Amino acid sequence: MSDTPKKTAAKKIAGARRSSKMPAARKAAASGNSTSSKQKDSSKSQPAKHKHARLIRDSFTIPEDEYALLAETKKICLEAGFEIKKSELIRIGIALAYELTTSELKEAQQTLQPVKTGRPKKHK
C-alpha cells in the first residue's frame, strides 16, 4: 500500500519541523556534512582542549569529629567569600600530604585516631 498524497505531505512537513529544531552541529553530523569553513578556521586558532583526568569514585570511613571539620572548613570558606566542596578539601589535603617527607607523614598518621576498616553494620 502506498501513502496517499496527504499522508506523504504530512510526513514531509513533520520531518521538516523535526530537522529545523536540531542544532546546526547536530544537523551537520546527521547529514554527514562537516562544519562550515568559518568554524573550521576558528578551531585551528584555538588551542586543543585540555583532556580531563579520569575520575574515580570511592568511599571511605571517617570519624564524625573529622567529618565535622570538613563542614566547619566549608563554612569558613563561605564566610571568606568562596565556595568549596568536600571532595576539593580532601584533594587539597592529599596534595599537601604528598609534599610531606615520609617521617612527617608518619608523625601525622600517629596523631589520627584509629578507624575500623570496612563498612559499618546496618542498624535495624
N, C-alpha and C. Protein backbone atom coordinates (compact mmCIF):
# COMPACT_ATOMS: atom_id res chain seq x y z
N MET A 1 0.83 -1.17 0.00
CA MET A 1 0.00 0.00 0.00
C MET A 1 0.88 1.24 0.00
N SER A 2 0.51 2.19 -0.85
CA SER A 2 1.27 3.43 -0.87
C SER A 2 0.53 4.48 -0.07
N ASP A 3 1.30 5.46 0.43
CA ASP A 3 0.69 6.55 1.19
C ASP A 3 -0.09 7.46 0.26
N THR A 4 -1.17 7.99 0.76
CA THR A 4 -1.93 8.97 -0.02
C THR A 4 -1.13 10.25 -0.08
N PRO A 5 -1.39 11.13 -1.04
CA PRO A 5 -0.64 12.39 -1.14
C PRO A 5 -0.70 13.21 0.14
N LYS A 6 -1.85 13.20 0.84
CA LYS A 6 -1.96 13.97 2.08
C LYS A 6 -1.01 13.42 3.15
N LYS A 7 -0.95 12.10 3.29
CA LYS A 7 -0.09 11.48 4.30
C LYS A 7 1.38 11.74 3.97
N THR A 8 1.76 11.65 2.71
CA THR A 8 3.13 11.89 2.30
C THR A 8 3.52 13.33 2.60
N ALA A 9 2.64 14.29 2.29
CA ALA A 9 2.92 15.70 2.57
C ALA A 9 3.04 15.93 4.06
N ALA A 10 2.20 15.29 4.85
CA ALA A 10 2.24 15.44 6.30
C ALA A 10 3.57 14.91 6.86
N LYS A 11 4.05 13.80 6.31
CA LYS A 11 5.33 13.24 6.76
C LYS A 11 6.47 14.19 6.44
N LYS A 12 6.43 14.80 5.24
CA LYS A 12 7.49 15.73 4.85
C LYS A 12 7.50 16.94 5.76
N ILE A 13 6.30 17.46 6.09
CA ILE A 13 6.21 18.63 6.97
C ILE A 13 6.71 18.28 8.36
N ALA A 14 6.31 17.12 8.88
CA ALA A 14 6.75 16.69 10.21
C ALA A 14 8.27 16.53 10.24
N GLY A 15 8.81 15.96 9.16
CA GLY A 15 10.28 15.79 9.09
C GLY A 15 10.98 17.13 9.04
N ALA A 16 10.40 18.09 8.32
CA ALA A 16 11.00 19.43 8.24
C ALA A 16 10.95 20.11 9.60
N ARG A 17 9.87 19.93 10.33
CA ARG A 17 9.78 20.53 11.67
C ARG A 17 10.83 19.95 12.59
N ARG A 18 10.97 18.63 12.56
CA ARG A 18 11.97 17.99 13.42
C ARG A 18 13.37 18.48 13.09
N SER A 19 13.70 18.55 11.81
CA SER A 19 15.05 18.92 11.43
C SER A 19 15.32 20.39 11.70
N SER A 20 14.28 21.24 11.71
CA SER A 20 14.51 22.66 11.98
C SER A 20 14.82 22.90 13.44
N LYS A 21 14.44 22.00 14.31
CA LYS A 21 14.71 22.15 15.74
C LYS A 21 16.10 21.65 16.12
N MET A 22 16.75 20.89 15.24
CA MET A 22 18.07 20.36 15.55
C MET A 22 19.12 21.45 15.47
N PRO A 23 20.09 21.51 16.41
CA PRO A 23 21.18 22.46 16.32
C PRO A 23 22.00 22.23 15.05
N ALA A 24 22.67 23.27 14.58
CA ALA A 24 23.42 23.20 13.33
C ALA A 24 24.48 22.11 13.37
N ALA A 25 25.19 21.98 14.47
CA ALA A 25 26.26 20.97 14.57
C ALA A 25 25.67 19.57 14.47
N ARG A 26 24.51 19.39 15.07
CA ARG A 26 23.89 18.08 15.05
C ARG A 26 23.36 17.76 13.65
N LYS A 27 22.82 18.80 12.96
CA LYS A 27 22.34 18.61 11.60
C LYS A 27 23.49 18.18 10.70
N ALA A 28 24.65 18.83 10.86
CA ALA A 28 25.80 18.50 10.02
C ALA A 28 26.25 17.07 10.28
N ALA A 29 26.24 16.68 11.55
CA ALA A 29 26.66 15.32 11.88
C ALA A 29 25.66 14.30 11.34
N ALA A 30 24.38 14.64 11.41
CA ALA A 30 23.35 13.72 10.93
C ALA A 30 23.40 13.57 9.42
N SER A 31 23.70 14.68 8.72
CA SER A 31 23.72 14.60 7.26
C SER A 31 25.08 14.18 6.73
N GLY A 32 26.07 14.11 7.61
CA GLY A 32 27.41 13.68 7.18
C GLY A 32 28.26 14.84 6.70
N ASN A 33 27.71 16.05 6.69
CA ASN A 33 28.49 17.21 6.29
C ASN A 33 29.37 17.66 7.44
N SER A 34 30.51 18.22 7.11
CA SER A 34 31.37 18.75 8.16
C SER A 34 30.94 20.16 8.49
N THR A 35 31.58 20.77 9.48
CA THR A 35 31.22 22.11 9.90
C THR A 35 31.58 23.12 8.84
N SER A 36 31.04 24.31 8.98
CA SER A 36 31.28 25.34 7.98
C SER A 36 32.74 25.77 7.99
N SER A 37 33.17 26.46 6.93
CA SER A 37 34.57 26.86 6.83
C SER A 37 34.93 27.86 7.90
N LYS A 38 33.97 28.72 8.32
CA LYS A 38 34.25 29.67 9.39
C LYS A 38 34.58 28.93 10.68
N GLN A 39 33.81 27.90 10.99
CA GLN A 39 34.04 27.13 12.20
C GLN A 39 35.36 26.38 12.12
N LYS A 40 35.73 25.90 10.95
CA LYS A 40 37.00 25.19 10.80
C LYS A 40 38.17 26.13 11.05
N ASP A 41 38.10 27.37 10.49
CA ASP A 41 39.19 28.32 10.65
C ASP A 41 39.34 28.73 12.10
N SER A 42 38.24 28.94 12.82
CA SER A 42 38.33 29.39 14.20
C SER A 42 38.86 28.27 15.10
N SER A 43 38.58 27.01 14.76
CA SER A 43 39.05 25.91 15.60
C SER A 43 40.56 25.72 15.46
N LYS A 44 41.13 26.11 14.33
CA LYS A 44 42.57 25.98 14.15
C LYS A 44 43.32 26.96 15.03
N SER A 45 42.74 28.15 15.26
CA SER A 45 43.43 29.15 16.06
C SER A 45 43.31 28.88 17.55
N GLN A 46 42.32 28.08 17.95
CA GLN A 46 42.13 27.77 19.36
C GLN A 46 43.04 26.61 19.75
N PRO A 47 43.60 26.67 20.98
CA PRO A 47 44.42 25.55 21.42
C PRO A 47 43.57 24.31 21.64
N ALA A 48 44.20 23.16 21.60
CA ALA A 48 43.50 21.90 21.81
C ALA A 48 42.90 21.88 23.21
N LYS A 49 41.73 21.25 23.34
CA LYS A 49 41.07 21.18 24.64
C LYS A 49 41.90 20.33 25.58
N HIS A 50 41.93 20.77 26.86
CA HIS A 50 42.66 20.02 27.88
C HIS A 50 41.90 18.74 28.18
N LYS A 51 42.57 17.61 28.09
CA LYS A 51 41.94 16.33 28.36
C LYS A 51 41.86 16.15 29.87
N HIS A 52 40.65 15.93 30.37
CA HIS A 52 40.45 15.77 31.80
C HIS A 52 40.90 14.39 32.25
N ALA A 53 41.39 14.35 33.49
CA ALA A 53 41.81 13.08 34.07
C ALA A 53 40.56 12.23 34.35
N ARG A 54 40.71 10.95 34.27
CA ARG A 54 39.61 10.03 34.55
C ARG A 54 39.28 10.12 36.04
N LEU A 55 38.01 10.24 36.37
CA LEU A 55 37.58 10.36 37.75
C LEU A 55 37.30 8.99 38.34
N ILE A 56 37.67 8.82 39.57
CA ILE A 56 37.46 7.56 40.30
C ILE A 56 36.50 7.84 41.45
N ARG A 57 35.49 7.01 41.57
CA ARG A 57 34.55 7.14 42.68
C ARG A 57 34.96 6.15 43.76
N ASP A 58 35.03 6.63 45.00
CA ASP A 58 35.47 5.78 46.10
C ASP A 58 34.67 6.16 47.34
N SER A 59 34.71 5.32 48.33
CA SER A 59 34.08 5.64 49.61
C SER A 59 35.06 5.29 50.72
N PHE A 60 34.92 5.96 51.84
CA PHE A 60 35.82 5.72 52.96
C PHE A 60 35.09 6.05 54.25
N THR A 61 35.66 5.60 55.35
CA THR A 61 35.11 5.85 56.67
C THR A 61 35.95 6.91 57.34
N ILE A 62 35.27 7.86 57.98
CA ILE A 62 35.96 8.96 58.65
C ILE A 62 35.27 9.20 59.99
N PRO A 63 36.02 9.48 61.04
CA PRO A 63 35.38 9.77 62.33
C PRO A 63 34.48 11.01 62.23
N GLU A 64 33.44 11.00 63.03
CA GLU A 64 32.44 12.06 62.98
C GLU A 64 33.04 13.44 63.26
N ASP A 65 33.98 13.53 64.21
CA ASP A 65 34.57 14.83 64.53
C ASP A 65 35.42 15.37 63.37
N GLU A 66 36.08 14.48 62.64
CA GLU A 66 36.85 14.91 61.48
C GLU A 66 35.93 15.31 60.33
N TYR A 67 34.80 14.63 60.22
CA TYR A 67 33.81 14.99 59.21
C TYR A 67 33.24 16.38 59.53
N ALA A 68 33.06 16.65 60.82
CA ALA A 68 32.57 17.97 61.24
C ALA A 68 33.59 19.05 60.88
N LEU A 69 34.88 18.71 60.90
CA LEU A 69 35.92 19.67 60.50
C LEU A 69 35.76 20.04 59.02
N LEU A 70 35.38 19.07 58.19
CA LEU A 70 35.12 19.37 56.79
C LEU A 70 33.99 20.41 56.66
N ALA A 71 32.91 20.19 57.41
CA ALA A 71 31.78 21.12 57.37
C ALA A 71 32.19 22.50 57.89
N GLU A 72 32.97 22.53 58.94
CA GLU A 72 33.43 23.80 59.51
C GLU A 72 34.35 24.54 58.54
N THR A 73 35.22 23.81 57.87
CA THR A 73 36.12 24.42 56.89
C THR A 73 35.33 24.97 55.71
N LYS A 74 34.31 24.26 55.27
CA LYS A 74 33.44 24.75 54.21
C LYS A 74 32.76 26.05 54.64
N LYS A 75 32.31 26.11 55.89
CA LYS A 75 31.65 27.31 56.42
C LYS A 75 32.62 28.49 56.45
N ILE A 76 33.85 28.24 56.86
CA ILE A 76 34.87 29.29 56.90
C ILE A 76 35.14 29.82 55.49
N CYS A 77 35.19 28.94 54.53
CA CYS A 77 35.43 29.34 53.14
C CYS A 77 34.27 30.20 52.62
N LEU A 78 33.05 29.82 52.96
CA LEU A 78 31.89 30.61 52.54
C LEU A 78 31.95 32.01 53.14
N GLU A 79 32.33 32.10 54.42
CA GLU A 79 32.45 33.40 55.07
C GLU A 79 33.56 34.24 54.45
N ALA A 80 34.59 33.56 53.90
CA ALA A 80 35.69 34.25 53.24
C ALA A 80 35.32 34.66 51.81
N GLY A 81 34.17 34.20 51.33
CA GLY A 81 33.69 34.63 50.03
C GLY A 81 33.84 33.65 48.89
N PHE A 82 34.15 32.40 49.19
CA PHE A 82 34.20 31.40 48.12
C PHE A 82 33.66 30.08 48.61
N GLU A 83 33.12 29.33 47.66
CA GLU A 83 32.52 28.04 47.97
C GLU A 83 33.52 26.94 47.64
N ILE A 84 33.54 25.91 48.48
CA ILE A 84 34.44 24.77 48.24
C ILE A 84 33.69 23.49 48.55
N LYS A 85 33.99 22.46 47.83
CA LYS A 85 33.34 21.16 48.01
C LYS A 85 34.17 20.29 48.93
N LYS A 86 33.51 19.31 49.56
CA LYS A 86 34.23 18.37 50.42
C LYS A 86 35.31 17.63 49.64
N SER A 87 34.98 17.22 48.43
CA SER A 87 35.97 16.49 47.63
C SER A 87 37.18 17.38 47.32
N GLU A 88 36.94 18.68 47.12
CA GLU A 88 38.06 19.60 46.87
C GLU A 88 38.95 19.73 48.11
N LEU A 89 38.32 19.78 49.29
CA LEU A 89 39.11 19.84 50.53
C LEU A 89 39.96 18.58 50.70
N ILE A 90 39.37 17.44 50.41
CA ILE A 90 40.10 16.18 50.52
C ILE A 90 41.26 16.16 49.52
N ARG A 91 41.01 16.62 48.30
CA ARG A 91 42.07 16.66 47.29
C ARG A 91 43.20 17.61 47.69
N ILE A 92 42.86 18.74 48.33
CA ILE A 92 43.88 19.67 48.83
C ILE A 92 44.71 18.97 49.90
N GLY A 93 44.02 18.25 50.79
CA GLY A 93 44.73 17.53 51.85
C GLY A 93 45.68 16.49 51.28
N ILE A 94 45.26 15.80 50.23
CA ILE A 94 46.12 14.79 49.60
C ILE A 94 47.34 15.46 48.99
N ALA A 95 47.13 16.60 48.32
CA ALA A 95 48.25 17.31 47.70
C ALA A 95 49.23 17.80 48.76
N LEU A 96 48.71 18.28 49.88
CA LEU A 96 49.59 18.73 50.97
C LEU A 96 50.32 17.56 51.61
N ALA A 97 49.64 16.43 51.78
CA ALA A 97 50.28 15.25 52.35
C ALA A 97 51.38 14.72 51.44
N TYR A 98 51.19 14.85 50.14
CA TYR A 98 52.20 14.40 49.18
C TYR A 98 53.50 15.19 49.31
N GLU A 99 53.39 16.43 49.74
CA GLU A 99 54.57 17.29 49.89
C GLU A 99 55.37 16.99 51.17
N LEU A 100 54.79 16.22 52.08
CA LEU A 100 55.48 15.89 53.34
C LEU A 100 56.54 14.82 53.10
N THR A 101 57.55 14.83 53.97
CA THR A 101 58.52 13.74 53.94
C THR A 101 57.86 12.53 54.57
N THR A 102 58.44 11.36 54.39
CA THR A 102 57.84 10.15 54.96
C THR A 102 57.81 10.21 56.49
N SER A 103 58.81 10.80 57.10
CA SER A 103 58.81 10.90 58.57
C SER A 103 57.72 11.87 59.04
N GLU A 104 57.50 12.97 58.32
CA GLU A 104 56.43 13.91 58.67
C GLU A 104 55.07 13.26 58.48
N LEU A 105 54.94 12.48 57.43
CA LEU A 105 53.68 11.79 57.15
C LEU A 105 53.39 10.74 58.22
N LYS A 106 54.42 10.02 58.63
CA LYS A 106 54.25 9.02 59.69
C LYS A 106 53.87 9.68 61.01
N GLU A 107 54.47 10.82 61.30
CA GLU A 107 54.16 11.57 62.52
C GLU A 107 52.70 12.04 62.49
N ALA A 108 52.25 12.53 61.34
CA ALA A 108 50.86 12.98 61.20
C ALA A 108 49.90 11.79 61.33
N GLN A 109 50.28 10.64 60.80
CA GLN A 109 49.45 9.45 60.88
C GLN A 109 49.25 9.03 62.33
N GLN A 110 50.28 9.17 63.13
CA GLN A 110 50.20 8.75 64.53
C GLN A 110 49.27 9.64 65.35
N THR A 111 48.96 10.83 64.86
CA THR A 111 48.03 11.72 65.58
C THR A 111 46.57 11.36 65.29
N LEU A 112 46.33 10.56 64.26
CA LEU A 112 44.96 10.17 63.91
C LEU A 112 44.44 9.10 64.83
N GLN A 113 43.13 9.17 65.13
CA GLN A 113 42.54 8.09 65.91
C GLN A 113 42.30 6.92 64.98
N PRO A 114 42.52 5.69 65.45
CA PRO A 114 42.32 4.51 64.59
C PRO A 114 40.85 4.36 64.19
N VAL A 115 40.65 3.87 62.97
CA VAL A 115 39.30 3.66 62.43
C VAL A 115 39.20 2.23 61.95
N LYS A 116 38.08 1.58 62.29
CA LYS A 116 37.86 0.23 61.77
C LYS A 116 37.63 0.32 60.28
N THR A 117 38.29 -0.54 59.53
CA THR A 117 38.11 -0.53 58.08
C THR A 117 36.84 -1.28 57.72
N GLY A 118 36.34 -1.05 56.54
CA GLY A 118 35.13 -1.71 56.07
C GLY A 118 33.90 -0.87 56.34
N ARG A 119 32.79 -1.38 55.89
CA ARG A 119 31.53 -0.66 56.07
C ARG A 119 30.96 -0.92 57.47
N PRO A 120 30.37 0.12 58.07
CA PRO A 120 29.73 -0.11 59.36
C PRO A 120 28.51 -1.00 59.23
N LYS A 121 28.17 -1.71 60.29
CA LYS A 121 27.00 -2.59 60.26
C LYS A 121 25.74 -1.75 60.19
N LYS A 122 24.74 -2.25 59.46
CA LYS A 122 23.46 -1.55 59.37
C LYS A 122 22.69 -1.72 60.67
N HIS A 123 22.11 -0.60 61.13
CA HIS A 123 21.28 -0.64 62.32
C HIS A 123 19.87 -1.05 61.92
N LYS A 124 19.29 -2.00 62.66
CA LYS A 124 17.93 -2.47 62.34
C LYS A 124 16.89 -1.70 63.10
